[in-house]
């Protein structure tokens, strides 16, 4: 690792296999990853003031509270948090300012470019 500390990404995905693949890719790109299997767990992480989070990547289709609702709640806790939605229907999603969308399925390169584009 370089002297610059790695960006920390909160990945919210209810499908364990998909989540594992996303986490593997992000860790390979030298990001630190926090995993949540749904909105409740994600909100617990977001509510923890000791925890630094640079980006939240969430599936739109989560059980219970969906990704959009989660994003709204996340922004009340962390108003400046960049949010990346992953969706199989990316082209049909309208997202508020500071929020981004990546279409599923996405390639490793697409994910890398999207995350780098958001985090700079």
PDB file of N, CA and C in Angstrom:
ATOM      1  N   UNK A   1       0.834  -1.201   0.000  1.00  0.00           N
ATOM      2  CA  UNK A   1       0.000   0.000   0.000  1.00  0.00           C
ATOM      3  C   UNK A   1       0.869   1.252   0.000  1.00  0.00           C
ATOM      4  N   UNK A   2       0.425   2.259  -0.679  1.00  0.00           N
ATOM      5  CA  UNK A   2       1.147   3.524  -0.681  1.00  0.00           C
ATOM      6  C   UNK A   2       0.830   4.277   0.610  1.00  0.00           C
ATOM      7  N   UNK A   3       1.461   5.413   0.771  1.00  0.00           N
ATOM      8  CA  UNK A   3       1.270   6.210   1.980  1.00  0.00           C
ATOM      9  C   UNK A   3      -0.171   6.717   2.085  1.00  0.00           C
ATOM     10  N   UNK A   4      -0.785   6.925   0.920  1.00  0.00           N
ATOM     11  CA  UNK A   4      -2.181   7.359   0.901  1.00  0.00           C
ATOM     12  C   UNK A   4      -3.037   6.181   1.335  1.00  0.00           C
ATOM     13  N   UNK A   5      -3.888   6.387   2.337  1.00  0.00           N
ATOM     14  CA  UNK A   5      -4.694   5.256   2.793  1.00  0.00           C
ATOM     15  C   UNK A   5      -5.785   4.949   1.780  1.00  0.00           C
ATOM     16  N   UNK A   6      -6.117   3.689   1.691  1.00  0.00           N
ATOM     17  CA  UNK A   6      -7.101   3.241   0.709  1.00  0.00           C
ATOM     18  C   UNK A   6      -8.474   3.811   1.011  1.00  0.00           C
ATOM     19  N   UNK A   7      -9.213   4.091  -0.052  1.00  0.00           N
ATOM     20  CA  UNK A   7     -10.599   4.504   0.120  1.00  0.00           C
ATOM     21  C   UNK A   7     -11.400   3.330   0.649  1.00  0.00           C
ATOM     22  N   UNK A   8     -12.405   3.648   1.461  1.00  0.00           N
ATOM     23  CA  UNK A   8     -13.234   2.614   2.075  1.00  0.00           C
ATOM     24  C   UNK A   8     -14.608   2.627   1.426  1.00  0.00           C
ATOM     25  N   UNK A   9     -15.012   1.465   0.916  1.00  0.00           N
ATOM     26  CA  UNK A   9     -16.279   1.344   0.209  1.00  0.00           C
ATOM     27  C   UNK A   9     -17.206   0.404   0.965  1.00  0.00           C
ATOM     28  N   UNK A  10     -18.400   0.891   1.241  1.00  0.00           N
ATOM     29  CA  UNK A  10     -19.438   0.063   1.859  1.00  0.00           C
ATOM     30  C   UNK A  10     -20.238  -0.577   0.723  1.00  0.00           C
ATOM     31  N   UNK A  11     -20.197  -1.907   0.645  1.00  0.00           N
ATOM     32  CA  UNK A  11     -20.910  -2.640  -0.402  1.00  0.00           C
ATOM     33  C   UNK A  11     -22.161  -3.274   0.205  1.00  0.00           C
ATOM     34  N   UNK A  12     -23.327  -2.900  -0.330  1.00  0.00           N
ATOM     35  CA  UNK A  12     -24.593  -3.424   0.166  1.00  0.00           C
ATOM     36  C   UNK A  12     -25.231  -4.270  -0.932  1.00  0.00           C
ATOM     37  N   UNK A  13     -25.281  -5.572  -0.692  1.00  0.00           N
ATOM     38  CA  UNK A  13     -25.802  -6.507  -1.697  1.00  0.00           C
ATOM     39  C   UNK A  13     -26.325  -7.724  -0.959  1.00  0.00           C
ATOM     40  N   UNK A  14     -27.597  -8.078  -1.206  1.00  0.00           N
ATOM     41  CA  UNK A  14     -28.191  -9.206  -0.478  1.00  0.00           C
ATOM     42  C   UNK A  14     -27.788 -10.563  -1.045  1.00  0.00           C
ATOM     43  N   UNK A  15     -27.337 -10.596  -2.303  1.00  0.00           N
ATOM     44  CA  UNK A  15     -26.895 -11.858  -2.897  1.00  0.00           C
ATOM     45  C   UNK A  15     -25.432 -12.098  -2.519  1.00  0.00           C
ATOM     46  N   UNK A  16     -25.199 -13.126  -1.696  1.00  0.00           N
ATOM     47  CA  UNK A  16     -23.860 -13.370  -1.145  1.00  0.00           C
ATOM     48  C   UNK A  16     -22.802 -13.588  -2.224  1.00  0.00           C
ATOM     49  N   UNK A  17     -23.157 -14.273  -3.301  1.00  0.00           N
ATOM     50  CA  UNK A  17     -22.185 -14.552  -4.358  1.00  0.00           C
ATOM     51  C   UNK A  17     -21.828 -13.275  -5.106  1.00  0.00           C
ATOM     52  N   UNK A  18     -22.827 -12.493  -5.454  1.00  0.00           N
ATOM     53  CA  UNK A  18     -22.592 -11.226  -6.149  1.00  0.00           C
ATOM     54  C   UNK A  18     -21.758 -10.311  -5.254  1.00  0.00           C
ATOM     55  N   UNK A  19     -22.119 -10.249  -3.965  1.00  0.00           N
ATOM     56  CA  UNK A  19     -21.388  -9.406  -3.013  1.00  0.00           C
ATOM     57  C   UNK A  19     -19.919  -9.825  -2.943  1.00  0.00           C
ATOM     58  N   UNK A  20     -19.683 -11.136  -2.870  1.00  0.00           N
ATOM     59  CA  UNK A  20     -18.316 -11.642  -2.789  1.00  0.00           C
ATOM     60  C   UNK A  20     -17.512 -11.254  -4.033  1.00  0.00           C
ATOM     61  N   UNK A  21     -18.124 -11.343  -5.200  1.00  0.00           N
ATOM     62  CA  UNK A  21     -17.435 -10.977  -6.439  1.00  0.00           C
ATOM     63  C   UNK A  21     -17.077  -9.492  -6.459  1.00  0.00           C
ATOM     64  N   UNK A  22     -18.023  -8.645  -6.062  1.00  0.00           N
ATOM     65  CA  UNK A  22     -17.775  -7.202  -6.026  1.00  0.00           C
ATOM     66  C   UNK A  22     -16.650  -6.886  -5.040  1.00  0.00           C
ATOM     67  N   UNK A  23     -16.724  -7.497  -3.861  1.00  0.00           N
ATOM     68  CA  UNK A  23     -15.708  -7.281  -2.826  1.00  0.00           C
ATOM     69  C   UNK A  23     -14.332  -7.719  -3.321  1.00  0.00           C
ATOM     70  N   UNK A  24     -14.266  -8.897  -3.965  1.00  0.00           N
ATOM     71  CA  UNK A  24     -12.990  -9.383  -4.499  1.00  0.00           C
ATOM     72  C   UNK A  24     -12.382  -8.392  -5.483  1.00  0.00           C
ATOM     73  N   UNK A  25     -13.214  -7.880  -6.387  1.00  0.00           N
ATOM     74  CA  UNK A  25     -12.732  -6.938  -7.391  1.00  0.00           C
ATOM     75  C   UNK A  25     -12.225  -5.656  -6.723  1.00  0.00           C
ATOM     76  N   UNK A  26     -13.015  -5.115  -5.805  1.00  0.00           N
ATOM     77  CA  UNK A  26     -12.620  -3.864  -5.148  1.00  0.00           C
ATOM     78  C   UNK A  26     -11.352  -4.032  -4.322  1.00  0.00           C
ATOM     79  N   UNK A  27     -11.237  -5.173  -3.638  1.00  0.00           N
ATOM     80  CA  UNK A  27     -10.031  -5.412  -2.833  1.00  0.00           C
ATOM     81  C   UNK A  27      -8.809  -5.585  -3.734  1.00  0.00           C
ATOM     82  N   UNK A  28      -9.007  -6.186  -4.888  1.00  0.00           N
ATOM     83  CA  UNK A  28      -7.915  -6.333  -5.839  1.00  0.00           C
ATOM     84  C   UNK A  28      -7.446  -4.964  -6.330  1.00  0.00           C
ATOM     85  N   UNK A  29      -8.364  -4.022  -6.386  1.00  0.00           N
ATOM     86  CA  UNK A  29      -8.048  -2.651  -6.796  1.00  0.00           C
ATOM     87  C   UNK A  29      -7.519  -1.831  -5.609  1.00  0.00           C
ATOM     88  N   UNK A  30      -7.296  -2.507  -4.484  1.00  0.00           N
ATOM     89  CA  UNK A  30      -6.717  -1.934  -3.266  1.00  0.00           C
ATOM     90  C   UNK A  30      -7.632  -0.975  -2.522  1.00  0.00           C
ATOM     91  N   UNK A  31      -8.938  -1.212  -2.653  1.00  0.00           N
ATOM     92  CA  UNK A  31      -9.877  -0.481  -1.813  1.00  0.00           C
ATOM     93  C   UNK A  31     -10.113  -1.331  -0.570  1.00  0.00           C
ATOM     94  N   UNK A  32     -10.464  -0.662   0.524  1.00  0.00           N
ATOM     95  CA  UNK A  32     -10.907  -1.405   1.703  1.00  0.00           C
ATOM     96  C   UNK A  32     -12.417  -1.524   1.577  1.00  0.00           C
ATOM     97  N   UNK A  33     -12.957  -2.678   1.947  1.00  0.00           N
ATOM     98  CA  UNK A  33     -14.383  -2.916   1.752  1.00  0.00           C
ATOM     99  C   UNK A  33     -15.058  -3.329   3.056  1.00  0.00           C
ATOM    100  N   UNK A  34     -16.225  -2.738   3.287  1.00  0.00           N
ATOM    101  CA  UNK A  34     -17.088  -3.137   4.394  1.00  0.00           C
ATOM    102  C   UNK A  34     -18.304  -3.767   3.725  1.00  0.00           C
ATOM    103  N   UNK A  35     -18.690  -4.961   4.165  1.00  0.00           N
ATOM    104  CA  UNK A  35     -19.810  -5.652   3.532  1.00  0.00           C
ATOM    105  C   UNK A  35     -21.071  -5.583   4.382  1.00  0.00           C
ATOM    106  N   UNK A  36     -22.194  -5.332   3.712  1.00  0.00           N
ATOM    107  CA  UNK A  36     -23.492  -5.383   4.375  1.00  0.00           C
ATOM    108  C   UNK A  36     -24.417  -6.227   3.507  1.00  0.00           C
ATOM    109  N   UNK A  37     -25.206  -7.114   4.147  1.00  0.00           N
ATOM    110  CA  UNK A  37     -26.099  -7.970   3.369  1.00  0.00           C
ATOM    111  C   UNK A  37     -27.481  -7.358   3.168  1.00  0.00           C
ATOM    112  N   UNK A  38     -27.658  -6.128   3.627  1.00  0.00           N
ATOM    113  CA  UNK A  38     -28.940  -5.450   3.450  1.00  0.00           C
ATOM    114  C   UNK A  38     -28.923  -4.076   4.093  1.00  0.00           C
ATOM    115  N   UNK A  39     -30.053  -3.398   4.011  1.00  0.00           N
ATOM    116  CA  UNK A  39     -30.166  -2.016   4.472  1.00  0.00           C
ATOM    117  C   UNK A  39     -29.923  -1.837   5.968  1.00  0.00           C
ATOM    118  N   UNK A  40     -30.471  -2.761   6.775  1.00  0.00           N
ATOM    119  CA  UNK A  40     -30.323  -2.610   8.228  1.00  0.00           C
ATOM    120  C   UNK A  40     -28.853  -2.614   8.636  1.00  0.00           C
ATOM    121  N   UNK A  41     -28.117  -3.604   8.109  1.00  0.00           N
ATOM    122  CA  UNK A  41     -26.697  -3.709   8.427  1.00  0.00           C
ATOM    123  C   UNK A  41     -25.939  -2.485   7.898  1.00  0.00           C
ATOM    124  N   UNK A  42     -26.279  -2.044   6.707  1.00  0.00           N
ATOM    125  CA  UNK A  42     -25.631  -0.882   6.108  1.00  0.00           C
ATOM    126  C   UNK A  42     -25.851   0.361   6.978  1.00  0.00           C
ATOM    127  N   UNK A  43     -27.084   0.553   7.440  1.00  0.00           N
ATOM    128  CA  UNK A  43     -27.389   1.725   8.266  1.00  0.00           C
ATOM    129  C   UNK A  43     -26.631   1.696   9.594  1.00  0.00           C
ATOM    130  N   UNK A  44     -26.434   0.500  10.133  1.00  0.00           N
ATOM    131  CA  UNK A  44     -25.655   0.382  11.374  1.00  0.00           C
ATOM    132  C   UNK A  44     -24.222   0.867  11.137  1.00  0.00           C
ATOM    133  N   UNK A  45     -23.641   0.503   9.998  1.00  0.00           N
ATOM    134  CA  UNK A  45     -22.284   0.978   9.663  1.00  0.00           C
ATOM    135  C   UNK A  45     -22.282   2.492   9.444  1.00  0.00           C
ATOM    136  N   UNK A  46     -23.280   2.984   8.717  1.00  0.00           N
ATOM    137  CA  UNK A  46     -23.351   4.411   8.411  1.00  0.00           C
ATOM    138  C   UNK A  46     -23.547   5.250   9.672  1.00  0.00           C
ATOM    139  N   UNK A  47     -24.229   4.667  10.634  1.00  0.00           N
ATOM    140  CA  UNK A  47     -24.516   5.364  11.886  1.00  0.00           C
ATOM    141  C   UNK A  47     -23.302   5.408  12.817  1.00  0.00           C
ATOM    142  N   UNK A  48     -22.300   4.578  12.538  1.00  0.00           N
ATOM    143  CA  UNK A  48     -21.105   4.510  13.372  1.00  0.00           C
ATOM    144  C   UNK A  48     -20.160   5.637  12.995  1.00  0.00           C
ATOM    145  N   UNK A  49     -20.129   6.671  13.812  1.00  0.00           N
ATOM    146  CA  UNK A  49     -19.325   7.864  13.524  1.00  0.00           C
ATOM    147  C   UNK A  49     -17.820   7.596  13.499  1.00  0.00           C
ATOM    148  N   UNK A  50     -17.384   6.497  14.130  1.00  0.00           N
ATOM    149  CA  UNK A  50     -15.955   6.168  14.152  1.00  0.00           C
ATOM    150  C   UNK A  50     -15.504   5.564  12.815  1.00  0.00           C
ATOM    151  N   UNK A  51     -16.471   5.156  12.018  1.00  0.00           N
ATOM    152  CA  UNK A  51     -16.185   4.456  10.777  1.00  0.00           C
ATOM    153  C   UNK A  51     -16.140   5.437   9.612  1.00  0.00           C
ATOM    154  N   UNK A  52     -14.993   5.471   8.926  1.00  0.00           N
ATOM    155  CA  UNK A  52     -14.863   6.336   7.750  1.00  0.00           C
ATOM    156  C   UNK A  52     -15.344   5.558   6.523  1.00  0.00           C
ATOM    157  N   UNK A  53     -16.206   6.163   5.726  1.00  0.00           N
ATOM    158  CA  UNK A  53     -16.701   5.535   4.502  1.00  0.00           C
ATOM    159  C   UNK A  53     -16.618   6.568   3.377  1.00  0.00           C
ATOM    160  N   UNK A  54     -15.951   6.179   2.276  1.00  0.00           N
ATOM    161  CA  UNK A  54     -15.770   7.106   1.150  1.00  0.00           C
ATOM    162  C   UNK A  54     -16.850   6.976   0.086  1.00  0.00           C
ATOM    163  N   UNK A  55     -17.458   5.785   0.015  1.00  0.00           N
ATOM    164  CA  UNK A  55     -18.444   5.512  -1.023  1.00  0.00           C
ATOM    165  C   UNK A  55     -19.340   4.375  -0.562  1.00  0.00           C
ATOM    166  N   UNK A  56     -20.628   4.491  -0.857  1.00  0.00           N
ATOM    167  CA  UNK A  56     -21.528   3.361  -0.626  1.00  0.00           C
ATOM    168  C   UNK A  56     -21.984   2.856  -1.990  1.00  0.00           C
ATOM    169  N   UNK A  57     -21.756   1.566  -2.228  1.00  0.00           N
ATOM    170  CA  UNK A  57     -22.248   0.926  -3.444  1.00  0.00           C
ATOM    171  C   UNK A  57     -23.376   0.002  -3.028  1.00  0.00           C
ATOM    172  N   UNK A  58     -24.554   0.236  -3.571  1.00  0.00           N
ATOM    173  CA  UNK A  58     -25.697  -0.570  -3.158  1.00  0.00           C
ATOM    174  C   UNK A  58     -26.496  -1.095  -4.339  1.00  0.00           C
ATOM    175  N   UNK A  59     -27.001  -2.305  -4.175  1.00  0.00           N
ATOM    176  CA  UNK A  59     -27.935  -2.868  -5.133  1.00  0.00           C
ATOM    177  C   UNK A  59     -29.233  -2.071  -4.981  1.00  0.00           C
ATOM    178  N   UNK A  60     -29.930  -1.848  -6.086  1.00  0.00           N
ATOM    179  CA  UNK A  60     -31.217  -1.150  -5.993  1.00  0.00           C
ATOM    180  C   UNK A  60     -32.271  -2.092  -5.417  1.00  0.00           C
ATOM    181  N   UNK A  61     -32.268  -3.350  -5.886  1.00  0.00           N
ATOM    182  CA  UNK A  61     -33.295  -4.301  -5.482  1.00  0.00           C
ATOM    183  C   UNK A  61     -32.956  -5.058  -4.220  1.00  0.00           C
ATOM    184  N   UNK A  62     -32.992  -4.383  -3.095  1.00  0.00           N
ATOM    185  CA  UNK A  62     -32.759  -5.044  -1.809  1.00  0.00           C
ATOM    186  C   UNK A  62     -34.095  -5.432  -1.197  1.00  0.00           C
ATOM    187  N   UNK A  63     -34.133  -6.509  -0.426  1.00  0.00           N
ATOM    188  CA  UNK A  63     -35.383  -6.869   0.257  1.00  0.00           C
ATOM    189  C   UNK A  63     -35.668  -5.860   1.379  1.00  0.00           C
ATOM    190  N   UNK A  64     -36.920  -5.679   1.706  1.00  0.00           N
ATOM    191  CA  UNK A  64     -37.254  -4.712   2.766  1.00  0.00           C
ATOM    192  C   UNK A  64     -37.085  -3.307   2.227  1.00  0.00           C
ATOM    193  N   UNK A  65     -36.157  -2.574   2.816  1.00  0.00           N
ATOM    194  CA  UNK A  65     -35.873  -1.218   2.364  1.00  0.00           C
ATOM    195  C   UNK A  65     -35.005  -1.308   1.113  1.00  0.00           C
ATOM    196  N   UNK A  66     -35.470  -0.768  -0.017  1.00  0.00           N
ATOM    197  CA  UNK A  66     -34.678  -0.887  -1.239  1.00  0.00           C
ATOM    198  C   UNK A  66     -33.507   0.099  -1.263  1.00  0.00           C
ATOM    199  N   UNK A  67     -32.691  -0.021  -2.292  1.00  0.00           N
ATOM    200  CA  UNK A  67     -31.478   0.787  -2.392  1.00  0.00           C
ATOM    201  C   UNK A  67     -31.718   2.287  -2.390  1.00  0.00           C
ATOM    202  N   UNK A  68     -32.823   2.707  -3.017  1.00  0.00           N
ATOM    203  CA  UNK A  68     -33.132   4.148  -3.049  1.00  0.00           C
ATOM    204  C   UNK A  68     -33.463   4.674  -1.652  1.00  0.00           C
ATOM    205  N   UNK A  69     -34.300   3.930  -0.935  1.00  0.00           N
ATOM    206  CA  UNK A  69     -34.649   4.333   0.428  1.00  0.00           C
ATOM    207  C   UNK A  69     -33.394   4.351   1.298  1.00  0.00           C
ATOM    208  N   UNK A  70     -32.556   3.320   1.112  1.00  0.00           N
ATOM    209  CA  UNK A  70     -31.308   3.253   1.862  1.00  0.00           C
ATOM    210  C   UNK A  70     -30.451   4.479   1.575  1.00  0.00           C
ATOM    211  N   UNK A  71     -30.360   4.867   0.305  1.00  0.00           N
ATOM    212  CA  UNK A  71     -29.563   6.034  -0.075  1.00  0.00           C
ATOM    213  C   UNK A  71     -30.089   7.299   0.597  1.00  0.00           C
ATOM    214  N   UNK A  72     -31.415   7.433   0.627  1.00  0.00           N
ATOM    215  CA  UNK A  72     -32.029   8.602   1.278  1.00  0.00           C
ATOM    216  C   UNK A  72     -31.673   8.638   2.760  1.00  0.00           C
ATOM    217  N   UNK A  73     -31.771   7.486   3.428  1.00  0.00           N
ATOM    218  CA  UNK A  73     -31.416   7.393   4.847  1.00  0.00           C
ATOM    219  C   UNK A  73     -29.924   7.644   5.062  1.00  0.00           C
ATOM    220  N   UNK A  74     -29.125   7.092   4.147  1.00  0.00           N
ATOM    221  CA  UNK A  74     -27.671   7.260   4.245  1.00  0.00           C
ATOM    222  C   UNK A  74     -27.300   8.733   4.170  1.00  0.00           C
ATOM    223  N   UNK A  75     -27.974   9.463   3.289  1.00  0.00           N
ATOM    224  CA  UNK A  75     -27.680  10.887   3.113  1.00  0.00           C
ATOM    225  C   UNK A  75     -28.109  11.727   4.326  1.00  0.00           C
ATOM    226  N   UNK A  76     -29.088  11.246   5.091  1.00  0.00           N
ATOM    227  CA  UNK A  76     -29.444  11.988   6.305  1.00  0.00           C
ATOM    228  C   UNK A  76     -28.342  11.798   7.346  1.00  0.00           C
ATOM    229  N   UNK A  77     -27.693  10.625   7.332  1.00  0.00           N
ATOM    230  CA  UNK A  77     -26.609  10.358   8.280  1.00  0.00           C
ATOM    231  C   UNK A  77     -25.288  10.953   7.803  1.00  0.00           C
ATOM    232  N   UNK A  78     -25.051  10.898   6.504  1.00  0.00           N
ATOM    233  CA  UNK A  78     -23.797  11.370   5.909  1.00  0.00           C
ATOM    234  C   UNK A  78     -24.135  12.124   4.621  1.00  0.00           C
ATOM    235  N   UNK A  79     -24.435  13.405   4.760  1.00  0.00           N
ATOM    236  CA  UNK A  79     -24.957  14.206   3.641  1.00  0.00           C
ATOM    237  C   UNK A  79     -24.072  14.239   2.389  1.00  0.00           C
ATOM    238  N   UNK A  80     -22.770  14.095   2.535  1.00  0.00           N
ATOM    239  CA  UNK A  80     -21.882  14.216   1.378  1.00  0.00           C
ATOM    240  C   UNK A  80     -21.423  12.877   0.804  1.00  0.00           C
ATOM    241  N   UNK A  81     -21.944  11.776   1.349  1.00  0.00           N
ATOM    242  CA  UNK A  81     -21.502  10.450   0.920  1.00  0.00           C
ATOM    243  C   UNK A  81     -21.865  10.176  -0.538  1.00  0.00           C
ATOM    244  N   UNK A  82     -20.857   9.883  -1.384  1.00  0.00           N
ATOM    245  CA  UNK A  82     -21.179   9.487  -2.759  1.00  0.00           C
ATOM    246  C   UNK A  82     -21.840   8.097  -2.732  1.00  0.00           C
ATOM    247  N   UNK A  83     -22.817   7.909  -3.615  1.00  0.00           N
ATOM    248  CA  UNK A  83     -23.544   6.640  -3.643  1.00  0.00           C
ATOM    249  C   UNK A  83     -23.564   6.115  -5.069  1.00  0.00           C
ATOM    250  N   UNK A  84     -23.238   4.825  -5.198  1.00  0.00           N
ATOM    251  CA  UNK A  84     -23.251   4.153  -6.491  1.00  0.00           C
ATOM    252  C   UNK A  84     -24.299   3.050  -6.444  1.00  0.00           C
ATOM    253  N   UNK A  85     -25.311   3.173  -7.312  1.00  0.00           N
ATOM    254  CA  UNK A  85     -26.344   2.142  -7.400  1.00  0.00           C
ATOM    255  C   UNK A  85     -25.933   1.114  -8.449  1.00  0.00           C
ATOM    256  N   UNK A  86     -26.123  -0.164  -8.137  1.00  0.00           N
ATOM    257  CA  UNK A  86     -25.943  -1.220  -9.130  1.00  0.00           C
ATOM    258  C   UNK A  86     -27.338  -1.712  -9.475  1.00  0.00           C
ATOM    259  N   UNK A  87     -27.644  -1.744 -10.779  1.00  0.00           N
ATOM    260  CA  UNK A  87     -28.992  -2.136 -11.176  1.00  0.00           C
ATOM    261  C   UNK A  87     -29.007  -2.815 -12.532  1.00  0.00           C
ATOM    262  N   UNK A  88     -29.862  -3.803 -12.642  1.00  0.00           N
ATOM    263  CA  UNK A  88     -30.077  -4.444 -13.928  1.00  0.00           C
ATOM    264  C   UNK A  88     -30.876  -3.564 -14.872  1.00  0.00           C
ATOM    265  N   UNK A  89     -31.399  -2.461 -14.329  1.00  0.00           N
ATOM    266  CA  UNK A  89     -32.210  -1.540 -15.136  1.00  0.00           C
ATOM    267  C   UNK A  89     -31.618  -0.144 -15.078  1.00  0.00           C
ATOM    268  N   UNK A  90     -30.307  -0.061 -15.202  1.00  0.00           N
ATOM    269  CA  UNK A  90     -29.591   1.201 -14.998  1.00  0.00           C
ATOM    270  C   UNK A  90     -30.099   2.342 -15.865  1.00  0.00           C
ATOM    271  N   UNK A  91     -30.432   2.018 -17.131  1.00  0.00           N
ATOM    272  CA  UNK A  91     -30.816   3.092 -18.046  1.00  0.00           C
ATOM    273  C   UNK A  91     -32.143   3.739 -17.663  1.00  0.00           C
ATOM    274  N   UNK A  92     -32.932   3.049 -16.836  1.00  0.00           N
ATOM    275  CA  UNK A  92     -34.241   3.600 -16.493  1.00  0.00           C
ATOM    276  C   UNK A  92     -34.269   4.258 -15.115  1.00  0.00           C
ATOM    277  N   UNK A  93     -33.083   4.427 -14.519  1.00  0.00           N
ATOM    278  CA  UNK A  93     -33.045   4.989 -13.167  1.00  0.00           C
ATOM    279  C   UNK A  93     -32.634   6.450 -13.168  1.00  0.00           C
ATOM    280  N   UNK A  94     -33.435   7.265 -12.489  1.00  0.00           N
ATOM    281  CA  UNK A  94     -33.088   8.670 -12.292  1.00  0.00           C
ATOM    282  C   UNK A  94     -32.411   8.756 -10.938  1.00  0.00           C
ATOM    283  N   UNK A  95     -31.220   9.353 -10.884  1.00  0.00           N
ATOM    284  CA  UNK A  95     -30.560   9.467  -9.588  1.00  0.00           C
ATOM    285  C   UNK A  95     -30.292  10.920  -9.237  1.00  0.00           C
ATOM    286  N   UNK A  96     -30.418  11.245  -7.948  1.00  0.00           N
ATOM    287  CA  UNK A  96     -30.136  12.596  -7.489  1.00  0.00           C
ATOM    288  C   UNK A  96     -28.664  12.959  -7.645  1.00  0.00           C
ATOM    289  N   UNK A  97     -28.355  14.226  -7.515  1.00  0.00           N
ATOM    290  CA  UNK A  97     -26.969  14.706  -7.593  1.00  0.00           C
ATOM    291  C   UNK A  97     -26.088  13.965  -6.596  1.00  0.00           C
ATOM    292  N   UNK A  98     -24.871  13.679  -7.002  1.00  0.00           N
ATOM    293  CA  UNK A  98     -23.935  13.001  -6.115  1.00  0.00           C
ATOM    294  C   UNK A  98     -24.159  11.505  -6.041  1.00  0.00           C
ATOM    295  N   UNK A  99     -25.104  11.014  -6.837  1.00  0.00           N
ATOM    296  CA  UNK A  99     -25.356   9.586  -6.875  1.00  0.00           C
ATOM    297  C   UNK A  99     -25.128   9.102  -8.304  1.00  0.00           C
ATOM    298  N   UNK A 100     -24.686   7.860  -8.431  1.00  0.00           N
ATOM    299  CA  UNK A 100     -24.271   7.318  -9.711  1.00  0.00           C
ATOM    300  C   UNK A 100     -24.900   5.945  -9.905  1.00  0.00           C
ATOM    301  N   UNK A 101     -24.887   5.464 -11.168  1.00  0.00           N
ATOM    302  CA  UNK A 101     -25.466   4.156 -11.461  1.00  0.00           C
ATOM    303  C   UNK A 101     -24.499   3.352 -12.323  1.00  0.00           C
ATOM    304  N   UNK A 102     -24.393   2.071 -12.030  1.00  0.00           N
ATOM    305  CA  UNK A 102     -23.676   1.150 -12.902  1.00  0.00           C
ATOM    306  C   UNK A 102     -24.641   0.020 -13.237  1.00  0.00           C
ATOM    307  N   UNK A 103     -24.696  -0.334 -14.506  1.00  0.00           N
ATOM    308  CA  UNK A 103     -25.626  -1.374 -14.940  1.00  0.00           C
ATOM    309  C   UNK A 103     -25.097  -2.763 -14.634  1.00  0.00           C
ATOM    310  N   UNK A 104     -25.997  -3.641 -14.201  1.00  0.00           N
ATOM    311  CA  UNK A 104     -25.646  -5.046 -13.999  1.00  0.00           C
ATOM    312  C   UNK A 104     -26.065  -5.809 -15.242  1.00  0.00           C
ATOM    313  N   UNK A 105     -25.296  -6.781 -15.686  1.00  0.00           N
ATOM    314  CA  UNK A 105     -23.982  -7.138 -15.141  1.00  0.00           C
ATOM    315  C   UNK A 105     -22.924  -6.148 -15.616  1.00  0.00           C
ATOM    316  N   UNK A 106     -21.903  -5.923 -14.821  1.00  0.00           N
ATOM    317  CA  UNK A 106     -20.828  -5.020 -15.213  1.00  0.00           C
ATOM    318  C   UNK A 106     -19.512  -5.784 -15.197  1.00  0.00           C
ATOM    319  N   UNK A 107     -18.567  -5.298 -16.001  1.00  0.00           N
ATOM    320  CA  UNK A 107     -17.250  -5.935 -16.039  1.00  0.00           C
ATOM    321  C   UNK A 107     -16.376  -5.367 -14.926  1.00  0.00           C
ATOM    322  N   UNK A 108     -15.279  -6.045 -14.670  1.00  0.00           N
ATOM    323  CA  UNK A 108     -14.316  -5.563 -13.677  1.00  0.00           C
ATOM    324  C   UNK A 108     -13.828  -4.174 -14.081  1.00  0.00           C
ATOM    325  N   UNK A 109     -13.537  -4.008 -15.379  1.00  0.00           N
ATOM    326  CA  UNK A 109     -13.048  -2.708 -15.858  1.00  0.00           C
ATOM    327  C   UNK A 109     -14.091  -1.612 -15.682  1.00  0.00           C
ATOM    328  N   UNK A 110     -15.352  -1.936 -15.960  1.00  0.00           N
ATOM    329  CA  UNK A 110     -16.413  -0.939 -15.784  1.00  0.00           C
ATOM    330  C   UNK A 110     -16.524  -0.520 -14.325  1.00  0.00           C
ATOM    331  N   UNK A 111     -16.458  -1.504 -13.425  1.00  0.00           N
ATOM    332  CA  UNK A 111     -16.558  -1.200 -12.002  1.00  0.00           C
ATOM    333  C   UNK A 111     -15.371  -0.345 -11.560  1.00  0.00           C
ATOM    334  N   UNK A 112     -14.188  -0.740 -11.983  1.00  0.00           N
ATOM    335  CA  UNK A 112     -12.982   0.017 -11.627  1.00  0.00           C
ATOM    336  C   UNK A 112     -13.081   1.467 -12.114  1.00  0.00           C
ATOM    337  N   UNK A 113     -13.451   1.641 -13.382  1.00  0.00           N
ATOM    338  CA  UNK A 113     -13.523   2.985 -13.950  1.00  0.00           C
ATOM    339  C   UNK A 113     -14.580   3.840 -13.260  1.00  0.00           C
ATOM    340  N   UNK A 114     -15.718   3.212 -12.948  1.00  0.00           N
ATOM    341  CA  UNK A 114     -16.809   3.935 -12.301  1.00  0.00           C
ATOM    342  C   UNK A 114     -16.379   4.404 -10.902  1.00  0.00           C
ATOM    343  N   UNK A 115     -15.807   3.482 -10.125  1.00  0.00           N
ATOM    344  CA  UNK A 115     -15.398   3.808  -8.757  1.00  0.00           C
ATOM    345  C   UNK A 115     -14.283   4.861  -8.772  1.00  0.00           C
ATOM    346  N   UNK A 116     -13.305   4.695  -9.661  1.00  0.00           N
ATOM    347  CA  UNK A 116     -12.222   5.693  -9.753  1.00  0.00           C
ATOM    348  C   UNK A 116     -12.755   7.049 -10.176  1.00  0.00           C
ATOM    349  N   UNK A 117     -13.745   7.021 -11.071  1.00  0.00           N
ATOM    350  CA  UNK A 117     -14.348   8.270 -11.524  1.00  0.00           C
ATOM    351  C   UNK A 117     -15.050   9.011 -10.389  1.00  0.00           C
ATOM    352  N   UNK A 118     -15.682   8.251  -9.502  1.00  0.00           N
ATOM    353  CA  UNK A 118     -16.401   8.847  -8.372  1.00  0.00           C
ATOM    354  C   UNK A 118     -15.435   9.331  -7.302  1.00  0.00           C
ATOM    355  N   UNK A 119     -14.458   8.477  -6.968  1.00  0.00           N
ATOM    356  CA  UNK A 119     -13.539   8.798  -5.863  1.00  0.00           C
ATOM    357  C   UNK A 119     -12.369   9.675  -6.290  1.00  0.00           C
ATOM    358  N   UNK A 120     -12.162   9.825  -7.606  1.00  0.00           N
ATOM    359  CA  UNK A 120     -11.109  10.704  -8.088  1.00  0.00           C
ATOM    360  C   UNK A 120      -9.718  10.095  -8.005  1.00  0.00           C
TER     361      UNK A 120
END
